[in-house]
């Protein structure tokens, strides 16, 4: 049974696009979401503690997100180093904001464990491209500390999602025949295109194994969507015009456009197991 959680968000400067401090009830840790431009002048003690951090990057052409997951004895010092490395062209990615987790119980060993586990989860979830190349693989902690850090990770996932980063959050896909009261699974079969998809709280997901149309119509899709489609087609997410993993989209129409290679109506194209188009489903 899932229980409610209380997350407190404090807008330090009274603005949502500035420094945000987040706390979770009954959790002795602090999360800070800080814009890149505020790091150098931020003197908050929480940011100068050991912790794990997420650098959020957004591709200016496709809008796709990527994330760098790291750890440090002093998070603020490490963030400043990332900024200097980019300016000196040692790093190629540019992050706009960072989400950092610190707490009085953390030390170097524990934050290395958290970084490694967060990296593993993010790679498994496949929400964002992961920019971290490697983590410490031989971190040894006690059974007690491991249990405490796994609980820390669970809380971290909740706060991370609240702050707008889904890097550790699995896609909300119904498993097999274990359906909720509302059947969210839909299908499309047009020409060479055969796919299953599912409505989620965030949009629509094209499921692994979908068959795609080969050609992309820039005129019909528009440059941005056509560019995103071609980028996915050339990635490891698609092999031989077949999706190799679940791929999320912002809407049923965006998902259908990706499959077809030209613009179509998602609500009219996707149909449930009874052949009823999504547009005629009053419950969704």
C-alpha atoms as a PDB file:
ATOM      1  CA  UNK A   1       0.000   0.000   0.000  1.00  0.00           C
ATOM      2  CA  UNK A   2       1.337   3.423  -0.975  1.00  0.00           C
ATOM      3  CA  UNK A   3       1.335   6.168   1.630  1.00  0.00           C
ATOM      4  CA  UNK A   4       1.212   9.908   1.099  1.00  0.00           C
ATOM      5  CA  UNK A   5       4.370  11.974   1.424  1.00  0.00           C
ATOM      6  CA  UNK A   6       4.789  15.598   2.473  1.00  0.00           C
ATOM      7  CA  UNK A   7       7.466  17.530   0.549  1.00  0.00           C
ATOM      8  CA  UNK A   8       8.162  21.094   1.627  1.00  0.00           C
ATOM      9  CA  UNK A   9       9.482  23.477  -1.047  1.00  0.00           C
ATOM     10  CA  UNK A  10      11.059  26.752   0.058  1.00  0.00           C
ATOM     11  CA  UNK A  11      11.600  29.347  -2.695  1.00  0.00           C
ATOM     12  CA  UNK A  12      14.616  31.065  -1.175  1.00  0.00           C
ATOM     13  CA  UNK A  13      14.389  34.166  -3.346  1.00  0.00           C
ATOM     14  CA  UNK A  14      10.626  34.066  -3.800  1.00  0.00           C
ATOM     15  CA  UNK A  15      10.885  32.791  -7.391  1.00  0.00           C
ATOM     16  CA  UNK A  16      10.324  29.329  -8.843  1.00  0.00           C
ATOM     17  CA  UNK A  17      13.230  29.724 -11.281  1.00  0.00           C
ATOM     18  CA  UNK A  18      15.710  30.521  -8.502  1.00  0.00           C
ATOM     19  CA  UNK A  19      17.146  28.505  -5.595  1.00  0.00           C
ATOM     20  CA  UNK A  20      14.701  25.964  -4.143  1.00  0.00           C
ATOM     21  CA  UNK A  21      15.297  24.075  -0.909  1.00  0.00           C
ATOM     22  CA  UNK A  22      13.251  20.882  -0.563  1.00  0.00           C
ATOM     23  CA  UNK A  23      12.746  18.754   2.522  1.00  0.00           C
ATOM     24  CA  UNK A  24      10.761  15.581   3.100  1.00  0.00           C
ATOM     25  CA  UNK A  25       8.939  14.847   6.320  1.00  0.00           C
ATOM     26  CA  UNK A  26      10.871  12.562   8.700  1.00  0.00           C
ATOM     27  CA  UNK A  27      14.017  12.676   6.528  1.00  0.00           C
ATOM     28  CA  UNK A  28      17.244  14.155   7.862  1.00  0.00           C
ATOM     29  CA  UNK A  29      18.501  15.410   4.491  1.00  0.00           C
ATOM     30  CA  UNK A  30      18.153  18.448   2.239  1.00  0.00           C
ATOM     31  CA  UNK A  31      17.697  18.831  -1.501  1.00  0.00           C
ATOM     32  CA  UNK A  32      18.643  22.016  -3.322  1.00  0.00           C
ATOM     33  CA  UNK A  33      17.710  22.867  -6.898  1.00  0.00           C
ATOM     34  CA  UNK A  34      19.981  25.672  -8.018  1.00  0.00           C
ATOM     35  CA  UNK A  35      20.383  27.434 -11.373  1.00  0.00           C
ATOM     36  CA  UNK A  36      23.896  27.429 -12.795  1.00  0.00           C
ATOM     37  CA  UNK A  37      24.082  31.225 -12.601  1.00  0.00           C
ATOM     38  CA  UNK A  38      23.505  31.209  -8.829  1.00  0.00           C
ATOM     39  CA  UNK A  39      26.128  28.652  -7.794  1.00  0.00           C
ATOM     40  CA  UNK A  40      29.093  31.005  -7.465  1.00  0.00           C
ATOM     41  CA  UNK A  41      27.249  33.376  -5.112  1.00  0.00           C
ATOM     42  CA  UNK A  42      25.442  30.744  -3.056  1.00  0.00           C
ATOM     43  CA  UNK A  43      26.750  30.579   0.494  1.00  0.00           C
ATOM     44  CA  UNK A  44      24.268  28.115   1.975  1.00  0.00           C
ATOM     45  CA  UNK A  45      25.936  25.630   4.283  1.00  0.00           C
ATOM     46  CA  UNK A  46      23.866  22.708   2.914  1.00  0.00           C
ATOM     47  CA  UNK A  47      25.557  23.091  -0.469  1.00  0.00           C
ATOM     48  CA  UNK A  48      29.016  22.869   1.087  1.00  0.00           C
ATOM     49  CA  UNK A  49      28.505  19.397   2.579  1.00  0.00           C
ATOM     50  CA  UNK A  50      29.161  15.916   1.161  1.00  0.00           C
ATOM     51  CA  UNK A  51      26.444  14.896  -1.247  1.00  0.00           C
ATOM     52  CA  UNK A  52      25.293  13.527  -4.569  1.00  0.00           C
ATOM     53  CA  UNK A  53      24.152  15.808  -7.384  1.00  0.00           C
ATOM     54  CA  UNK A  54      22.370  15.745 -10.742  1.00  0.00           C
ATOM     55  CA  UNK A  55      23.326  18.194 -13.519  1.00  0.00           C
ATOM     56  CA  UNK A  56      20.326  18.686 -15.808  1.00  0.00           C
ATOM     57  CA  UNK A  57      21.042  19.373 -19.489  1.00  0.00           C
ATOM     58  CA  UNK A  58      18.554  20.079 -22.296  1.00  0.00           C
ATOM     59  CA  UNK A  59      19.339  19.798 -26.008  1.00  0.00           C
ATOM     60  CA  UNK A  60      18.457  23.141 -27.612  1.00  0.00           C
ATOM     61  CA  UNK A  61      17.343  21.503 -30.874  1.00  0.00           C
ATOM     62  CA  UNK A  62      15.338  18.472 -29.758  1.00  0.00           C
ATOM     63  CA  UNK A  63      14.457  19.355 -26.168  1.00  0.00           C
ATOM     64  CA  UNK A  64      15.795  15.961 -25.073  1.00  0.00           C
ATOM     65  CA  UNK A  65      17.179  15.860 -21.528  1.00  0.00           C
ATOM     66  CA  UNK A  66      20.409  14.350 -20.295  1.00  0.00           C
ATOM     67  CA  UNK A  67      21.900  14.173 -16.813  1.00  0.00           C
ATOM     68  CA  UNK A  68      25.303  13.945 -15.177  1.00  0.00           C
ATOM     69  CA  UNK A  69      25.274  12.178 -11.797  1.00  0.00           C
ATOM     70  CA  UNK A  70      28.171  12.898  -9.456  1.00  0.00           C
ATOM     71  CA  UNK A  71      29.319  13.075  -5.834  1.00  0.00           C
ATOM     72  CA  UNK A  72      31.622  15.262  -3.795  1.00  0.00           C
ATOM     73  CA  UNK A  73      32.907  16.071  -0.312  1.00  0.00           C
ATOM     74  CA  UNK A  74      31.811  19.653  -1.002  1.00  0.00           C
ATOM     75  CA  UNK A  75      29.061  19.869  -3.605  1.00  0.00           C
ATOM     76  CA  UNK A  76      29.419  23.605  -4.286  1.00  0.00           C
ATOM     77  CA  UNK A  77      33.153  23.280  -4.976  1.00  0.00           C
ATOM     78  CA  UNK A  78      32.483  20.433  -7.411  1.00  0.00           C
ATOM     79  CA  UNK A  79      29.765  22.379  -9.237  1.00  0.00           C
ATOM     80  CA  UNK A  80      32.155  25.293  -9.690  1.00  0.00           C
ATOM     81  CA  UNK A  81      34.739  22.866 -11.078  1.00  0.00           C
ATOM     82  CA  UNK A  82      32.203  21.611 -13.643  1.00  0.00           C
ATOM     83  CA  UNK A  83      31.593  25.211 -14.723  1.00  0.00           C
ATOM     84  CA  UNK A  84      35.321  25.889 -15.070  1.00  0.00           C
ATOM     85  CA  UNK A  85      35.829  22.647 -17.007  1.00  0.00           C
ATOM     86  CA  UNK A  86      33.132  23.665 -19.503  1.00  0.00           C
ATOM     87  CA  UNK A  87      34.624  27.136 -19.954  1.00  0.00           C
ATOM     88  CA  UNK A  88      38.038  25.598 -20.621  1.00  0.00           C
ATOM     89  CA  UNK A  89      36.417  23.058 -23.013  1.00  0.00           C
ATOM     90  CA  UNK A  90      37.293  20.044 -20.858  1.00  0.00           C
ATOM     91  CA  UNK A  91      33.583  19.184 -20.716  1.00  0.00           C
ATOM     92  CA  UNK A  92      31.267  19.305 -23.741  1.00  0.00           C
ATOM     93  CA  UNK A  93      27.873  19.378 -22.029  1.00  0.00           C
ATOM     94  CA  UNK A  94      26.217  22.508 -20.635  1.00  0.00           C
ATOM     95  CA  UNK A  95      23.896  22.195 -17.659  1.00  0.00           C
ATOM     96  CA  UNK A  96      21.345  24.836 -16.693  1.00  0.00           C
ATOM     97  CA  UNK A  97      20.474  23.649 -13.198  1.00  0.00           C
ATOM     98  CA  UNK A  98      21.675  21.215 -10.567  1.00  0.00           C
ATOM     99  CA  UNK A  99      19.727  19.184  -8.002  1.00  0.00           C
ATOM    100  CA  UNK A 100      21.870  18.331  -4.992  1.00  0.00           C
ATOM    101  CA  UNK A 101      21.246  16.078  -1.987  1.00  0.00           C
ATOM    102  CA  UNK A 102      23.207  16.584   1.217  1.00  0.00           C
ATOM    103  CA  UNK A 103      22.809  15.594   4.844  1.00  0.00           C
ATOM    104  CA  UNK A 104      24.715  15.452   8.138  1.00  0.00           C
ATOM    105  CA  UNK A 105      24.789  11.638   8.020  1.00  0.00           C
ATOM    106  CA  UNK A 106      26.670  11.498   4.705  1.00  0.00           C
ATOM    107  CA  UNK A 107      30.405  10.983   4.207  1.00  0.00           C
ATOM    108  CA  UNK A 108      32.670  10.188   1.258  1.00  0.00           C
ATOM    109  CA  UNK A 109      31.971   6.462   1.360  1.00  0.00           C
ATOM    110  CA  UNK A 110      28.207   6.891   1.525  1.00  0.00           C
ATOM    111  CA  UNK A 111      27.969   9.480  -1.259  1.00  0.00           C
ATOM    112  CA  UNK A 112      30.054   7.233  -3.502  1.00  0.00           C
ATOM    113  CA  UNK A 113      27.568   4.441  -2.820  1.00  0.00           C
ATOM    114  CA  UNK A 114      24.647   6.774  -3.573  1.00  0.00           C
ATOM    115  CA  UNK A 115      26.272   7.956  -6.808  1.00  0.00           C
ATOM    116  CA  UNK A 116      26.871   4.391  -7.983  1.00  0.00           C
ATOM    117  CA  UNK A 117      23.320   3.273  -7.175  1.00  0.00           C
ATOM    118  CA  UNK A 118      21.750   6.381  -8.744  1.00  0.00           C
ATOM    119  CA  UNK A 119      23.859   5.808 -11.867  1.00  0.00           C
ATOM    120  CA  UNK A 120      22.733   2.171 -12.064  1.00  0.00           C
ATOM    121  CA  UNK A 121      19.065   3.081 -11.614  1.00  0.00           C
ATOM    122  CA  UNK A 122      19.215   5.864 -14.207  1.00  0.00           C
ATOM    123  CA  UNK A 123      20.851   3.533 -16.737  1.00  0.00           C
ATOM    124  CA  UNK A 124      18.166   0.914 -16.109  1.00  0.00           C
ATOM    125  CA  UNK A 125      15.273   3.392 -16.250  1.00  0.00           C
ATOM    126  CA  UNK A 126      16.550   4.947 -19.521  1.00  0.00           C
ATOM    127  CA  UNK A 127      14.650   8.205 -19.064  1.00  0.00           C
ATOM    128  CA  UNK A 128      17.595  10.479 -19.827  1.00  0.00           C
ATOM    129  CA  UNK A 129      20.900  10.107 -21.602  1.00  0.00           C
ATOM    130  CA  UNK A 130      23.450   9.548 -18.829  1.00  0.00           C
ATOM    131  CA  UNK A 131      26.570  11.689 -19.158  1.00  0.00           C
ATOM    132  CA  UNK A 132      28.439  10.082 -16.257  1.00  0.00           C
ATOM    133  CA  UNK A 133      31.133   7.812 -17.677  1.00  0.00           C
ATOM    134  CA  UNK A 134      32.012   5.763 -14.601  1.00  0.00           C
ATOM    135  CA  UNK A 135      31.541   5.557 -10.844  1.00  0.00           C
ATOM    136  CA  UNK A 136      33.454   3.949  -7.975  1.00  0.00           C
ATOM    137  CA  UNK A 137      32.696   0.236  -8.276  1.00  0.00           C
ATOM    138  CA  UNK A 138      34.421  -1.095  -5.170  1.00  0.00           C
ATOM    139  CA  UNK A 139      32.738   0.970  -2.454  1.00  0.00           C
ATOM    140  CA  UNK A 140      32.305  -1.252   0.612  1.00  0.00           C
ATOM    141  CA  UNK A 141      29.784  -0.295   3.290  1.00  0.00           C
ATOM    142  CA  UNK A 142      28.192  -2.125   6.189  1.00  0.00           C
ATOM    143  CA  UNK A 143      24.853  -3.888   6.001  1.00  0.00           C
ATOM    144  CA  UNK A 144      23.402  -1.200   8.265  1.00  0.00           C
ATOM    145  CA  UNK A 145      24.680   1.664   6.095  1.00  0.00           C
ATOM    146  CA  UNK A 146      23.490  -0.065   2.915  1.00  0.00           C
ATOM    147  CA  UNK A 147      19.945  -0.326   4.275  1.00  0.00           C
ATOM    148  CA  UNK A 148      20.041   3.325   5.334  1.00  0.00           C
ATOM    149  CA  UNK A 149      21.309   4.475   1.938  1.00  0.00           C
ATOM    150  CA  UNK A 150      18.688   2.444   0.051  1.00  0.00           C
ATOM    151  CA  UNK A 151      16.053   4.248   2.114  1.00  0.00           C
ATOM    152  CA  UNK A 152      17.859   7.509   1.323  1.00  0.00           C
ATOM    153  CA  UNK A 153      17.594   6.633  -2.387  1.00  0.00           C
ATOM    154  CA  UNK A 154      13.855   5.989  -2.111  1.00  0.00           C
ATOM    155  CA  UNK A 155      13.355   9.427  -0.570  1.00  0.00           C
ATOM    156  CA  UNK A 156      15.700  10.977  -3.100  1.00  0.00           C
ATOM    157  CA  UNK A 157      13.572   9.621  -5.970  1.00  0.00           C
ATOM    158  CA  UNK A 158      10.467  11.274  -4.516  1.00  0.00           C
ATOM    159  CA  UNK A 159      12.097  14.678  -4.073  1.00  0.00           C
ATOM    160  CA  UNK A 160      13.921  14.470  -7.404  1.00  0.00           C
ATOM    161  CA  UNK A 161      10.624  13.908  -9.221  1.00  0.00           C
ATOM    162  CA  UNK A 162       8.991  16.737  -7.273  1.00  0.00           C
ATOM    163  CA  UNK A 163      11.752  19.043  -8.491  1.00  0.00           C
ATOM    164  CA  UNK A 164      11.102  18.065 -12.115  1.00  0.00           C
ATOM    165  CA  UNK A 165      13.709  15.390 -12.807  1.00  0.00           C
ATOM    166  CA  UNK A 166      12.515  11.862 -13.660  1.00  0.00           C
ATOM    167  CA  UNK A 167      15.993  10.365 -14.125  1.00  0.00           C
ATOM    168  CA  UNK A 168      15.360   7.687 -11.473  1.00  0.00           C
ATOM    169  CA  UNK A 169      11.638   7.165 -12.060  1.00  0.00           C
ATOM    170  CA  UNK A 170      10.539   4.097 -14.103  1.00  0.00           C
ATOM    171  CA  UNK A 171       7.929   4.617 -16.790  1.00  0.00           C
ATOM    172  CA  UNK A 172       4.446   3.908 -15.456  1.00  0.00           C
ATOM    173  CA  UNK A 173       3.688   0.891 -17.642  1.00  0.00           C
ATOM    174  CA  UNK A 174       1.014  -1.691 -16.812  1.00  0.00           C
ATOM    175  CA  UNK A 175       2.654  -5.115 -16.595  1.00  0.00           C
ATOM    176  CA  UNK A 176       1.139  -7.804 -18.821  1.00  0.00           C
ATOM    177  CA  UNK A 177      -2.423  -8.649 -17.830  1.00  0.00           C
ATOM    178  CA  UNK A 178      -2.110  -6.960 -14.463  1.00  0.00           C
ATOM    179  CA  UNK A 179      -4.323  -4.029 -15.440  1.00  0.00           C
ATOM    180  CA  UNK A 180      -5.672  -1.112 -13.459  1.00  0.00           C
ATOM    181  CA  UNK A 181      -9.402  -0.376 -13.512  1.00  0.00           C
ATOM    182  CA  UNK A 182      -8.820   1.663 -16.694  1.00  0.00           C
ATOM    183  CA  UNK A 183      -7.163  -0.126 -19.618  1.00  0.00           C
ATOM    184  CA  UNK A 184      -4.516   2.278 -20.898  1.00  0.00           C
ATOM    185  CA  UNK A 185      -3.060   0.035 -23.631  1.00  0.00           C
ATOM    186  CA  UNK A 186      -3.578   1.042 -27.280  1.00  0.00           C
ATOM    187  CA  UNK A 187      -2.524  -0.303 -30.666  1.00  0.00           C
ATOM    188  CA  UNK A 188      -1.800   0.889 -34.187  1.00  0.00           C
ATOM    189  CA  UNK A 189      -1.513  -1.172 -37.381  1.00  0.00           C
ATOM    190  CA  UNK A 190      -1.102   0.861 -40.561  1.00  0.00           C
ATOM    191  CA  UNK A 191       0.982  -0.475 -43.474  1.00  0.00           C
ATOM    192  CA  UNK A 192       4.357  -1.532 -42.106  1.00  0.00           C
ATOM    193  CA  UNK A 193       3.677   0.134 -38.769  1.00  0.00           C
ATOM    194  CA  UNK A 194       2.632  -2.152 -35.922  1.00  0.00           C
ATOM    195  CA  UNK A 195       2.921  -0.951 -32.346  1.00  0.00           C
ATOM    196  CA  UNK A 196       1.575  -1.014 -28.838  1.00  0.00           C
ATOM    197  CA  UNK A 197       1.487   2.060 -26.657  1.00  0.00           C
ATOM    198  CA  UNK A 198       0.218   3.183 -23.317  1.00  0.00           C
ATOM    199  CA  UNK A 199      -1.094   6.381 -21.782  1.00  0.00           C
ATOM    200  CA  UNK A 200       0.834   7.475 -18.699  1.00  0.00           C
ATOM    201  CA  UNK A 201       0.620  10.393 -16.306  1.00  0.00           C
ATOM    202  CA  UNK A 202       3.322  12.142 -18.357  1.00  0.00           C
ATOM    203  CA  UNK A 203       2.045  11.498 -21.868  1.00  0.00           C
ATOM    204  CA  UNK A 204       2.274   8.375 -24.012  1.00  0.00           C
ATOM    205  CA  UNK A 205       4.812   5.550 -24.263  1.00  0.00           C
ATOM    206  CA  UNK A 206       5.598   3.505 -27.384  1.00  0.00           C
ATOM    207  CA  UNK A 207       6.433   0.020 -26.127  1.00  0.00           C
ATOM    208  CA  UNK A 208       9.466  -2.060 -27.029  1.00  0.00           C
ATOM    209  CA  UNK A 209       9.063  -4.077 -30.250  1.00  0.00           C
ATOM    210  CA  UNK A 210       7.140  -1.456 -32.246  1.00  0.00           C
ATOM    211  CA  UNK A 211       7.624  -1.571 -36.044  1.00  0.00           C
ATOM    212  CA  UNK A 212       8.245   1.827 -37.680  1.00  0.00           C
ATOM    213  CA  UNK A 213       7.794   3.369 -41.106  1.00  0.00           C
ATOM    214  CA  UNK A 214      11.211   4.010 -42.635  1.00  0.00           C
ATOM    215  CA  UNK A 215      10.691   7.395 -44.322  1.00  0.00           C
ATOM    216  CA  UNK A 216      10.499  10.733 -42.542  1.00  0.00           C
ATOM    217  CA  UNK A 217       8.514  13.622 -44.027  1.00  0.00           C
ATOM    218  CA  UNK A 218      10.064  16.887 -42.856  1.00  0.00           C
ATOM    219  CA  UNK A 219       7.326  18.829 -44.644  1.00  0.00           C
ATOM    220  CA  UNK A 220       4.594  17.026 -42.738  1.00  0.00           C
ATOM    221  CA  UNK A 221       6.271  16.683 -39.335  1.00  0.00           C
ATOM    222  CA  UNK A 222       8.153  19.955 -39.196  1.00  0.00           C
ATOM    223  CA  UNK A 223      11.907  20.281 -38.656  1.00  0.00           C
ATOM    224  CA  UNK A 224      11.914  19.762 -34.886  1.00  0.00           C
ATOM    225  CA  UNK A 225       9.850  16.572 -34.798  1.00  0.00           C
ATOM    226  CA  UNK A 226      11.566  15.222 -37.909  1.00  0.00           C
ATOM    227  CA  UNK A 227      14.930  15.887 -36.302  1.00  0.00           C
ATOM    228  CA  UNK A 228      13.890  14.137 -33.105  1.00  0.00           C
ATOM    229  CA  UNK A 229      12.598  11.141 -35.082  1.00  0.00           C
ATOM    230  CA  UNK A 230      15.808  10.815 -37.084  1.00  0.00           C
ATOM    231  CA  UNK A 231      17.855  11.123 -33.896  1.00  0.00           C
ATOM    232  CA  UNK A 232      15.935   8.258 -32.272  1.00  0.00           C
ATOM    233  CA  UNK A 233      16.129   6.166 -35.448  1.00  0.00           C
ATOM    234  CA  UNK A 234      19.911   6.494 -35.469  1.00  0.00           C
ATOM    235  CA  UNK A 235      20.250   5.642 -31.774  1.00  0.00           C
ATOM    236  CA  UNK A 236      20.352   2.305 -29.982  1.00  0.00           C
ATOM    237  CA  UNK A 237      16.659   2.734 -29.190  1.00  0.00           C
ATOM    238  CA  UNK A 238      15.832   1.468 -32.690  1.00  0.00           C
ATOM    239  CA  UNK A 239      17.326  -1.417 -34.655  1.00  0.00           C
ATOM    240  CA  UNK A 240      16.070  -2.550 -38.062  1.00  0.00           C
ATOM    241  CA  UNK A 241      13.119  -0.138 -37.713  1.00  0.00           C
ATOM    242  CA  UNK A 242      12.067  -1.839 -34.464  1.00  0.00           C
ATOM    243  CA  UNK A 243      12.157  -0.181 -31.058  1.00  0.00           C
ATOM    244  CA  UNK A 244      14.497  -1.901 -28.595  1.00  0.00           C
ATOM    245  CA  UNK A 245      13.089  -0.192 -25.492  1.00  0.00           C
ATOM    246  CA  UNK A 246      10.044   1.714 -24.272  1.00  0.00           C
ATOM    247  CA  UNK A 247      10.152   5.305 -25.567  1.00  0.00           C
ATOM    248  CA  UNK A 248       8.148   8.102 -23.899  1.00  0.00           C
ATOM    249  CA  UNK A 249       6.487  10.961 -25.787  1.00  0.00           C
ATOM    250  CA  UNK A 250       4.598  14.025 -24.674  1.00  0.00           C
ATOM    251  CA  UNK A 251       1.308  12.959 -26.306  1.00  0.00           C
ATOM    252  CA  UNK A 252      -0.392  10.193 -28.336  1.00  0.00           C
ATOM    253  CA  UNK A 253       0.004  12.334 -31.482  1.00  0.00           C
ATOM    254  CA  UNK A 254       3.751  12.758 -30.948  1.00  0.00           C
ATOM    255  CA  UNK A 255       4.049   8.989 -30.496  1.00  0.00           C
ATOM    256  CA  UNK A 256       2.019   8.305 -33.672  1.00  0.00           C
ATOM    257  CA  UNK A 257       4.035  10.870 -35.653  1.00  0.00           C
ATOM    258  CA  UNK A 258       7.228   9.107 -34.595  1.00  0.00           C
ATOM    259  CA  UNK A 259       5.927   5.725 -35.767  1.00  0.00           C
ATOM    260  CA  UNK A 260       4.447   6.899 -39.060  1.00  0.00           C
ATOM    261  CA  UNK A 261       7.094   9.419 -40.114  1.00  0.00           C
ATOM    262  CA  UNK A 262       4.417  11.956 -41.021  1.00  0.00           C
ATOM    263  CA  UNK A 263       1.823  13.936 -39.098  1.00  0.00           C
ATOM    264  CA  UNK A 264      -1.318  12.082 -38.021  1.00  0.00           C
ATOM    265  CA  UNK A 265      -3.984  12.397 -35.355  1.00  0.00           C
ATOM    266  CA  UNK A 266      -2.914  10.338 -32.374  1.00  0.00           C
ATOM    267  CA  UNK A 267      -6.404  10.131 -30.809  1.00  0.00           C
ATOM    268  CA  UNK A 268      -7.761   8.796 -34.101  1.00  0.00           C
ATOM    269  CA  UNK A 269      -4.830   6.468 -34.896  1.00  0.00           C
ATOM    270  CA  UNK A 270      -4.429   4.688 -31.559  1.00  0.00           C
ATOM    271  CA  UNK A 271      -7.170   2.106 -30.848  1.00  0.00           C
ATOM    272  CA  UNK A 272      -7.826  -0.083 -27.831  1.00  0.00           C
ATOM    273  CA  UNK A 273      -8.177  -3.885 -27.900  1.00  0.00           C
ATOM    274  CA  UNK A 274     -11.827  -3.508 -28.906  1.00  0.00           C
ATOM    275  CA  UNK A 275     -10.980  -1.294 -31.886  1.00  0.00           C
ATOM    276  CA  UNK A 276     -12.274   1.875 -30.223  1.00  0.00           C
ATOM    277  CA  UNK A 277     -10.160   4.949 -31.099  1.00  0.00           C
ATOM    278  CA  UNK A 278      -8.656   6.890 -28.226  1.00  0.00           C
ATOM    279  CA  UNK A 279     -10.715   9.924 -29.247  1.00  0.00           C
ATOM    280  CA  UNK A 280     -13.887   7.992 -28.416  1.00  0.00           C
ATOM    281  CA  UNK A 281     -12.726   6.797 -25.002  1.00  0.00           C
ATOM    282  CA  UNK A 282     -14.479   9.046 -22.485  1.00  0.00           C
ATOM    283  CA  UNK A 283     -12.521   7.674 -19.542  1.00  0.00           C
ATOM    284  CA  UNK A 284      -9.113   8.868 -20.753  1.00  0.00           C
END
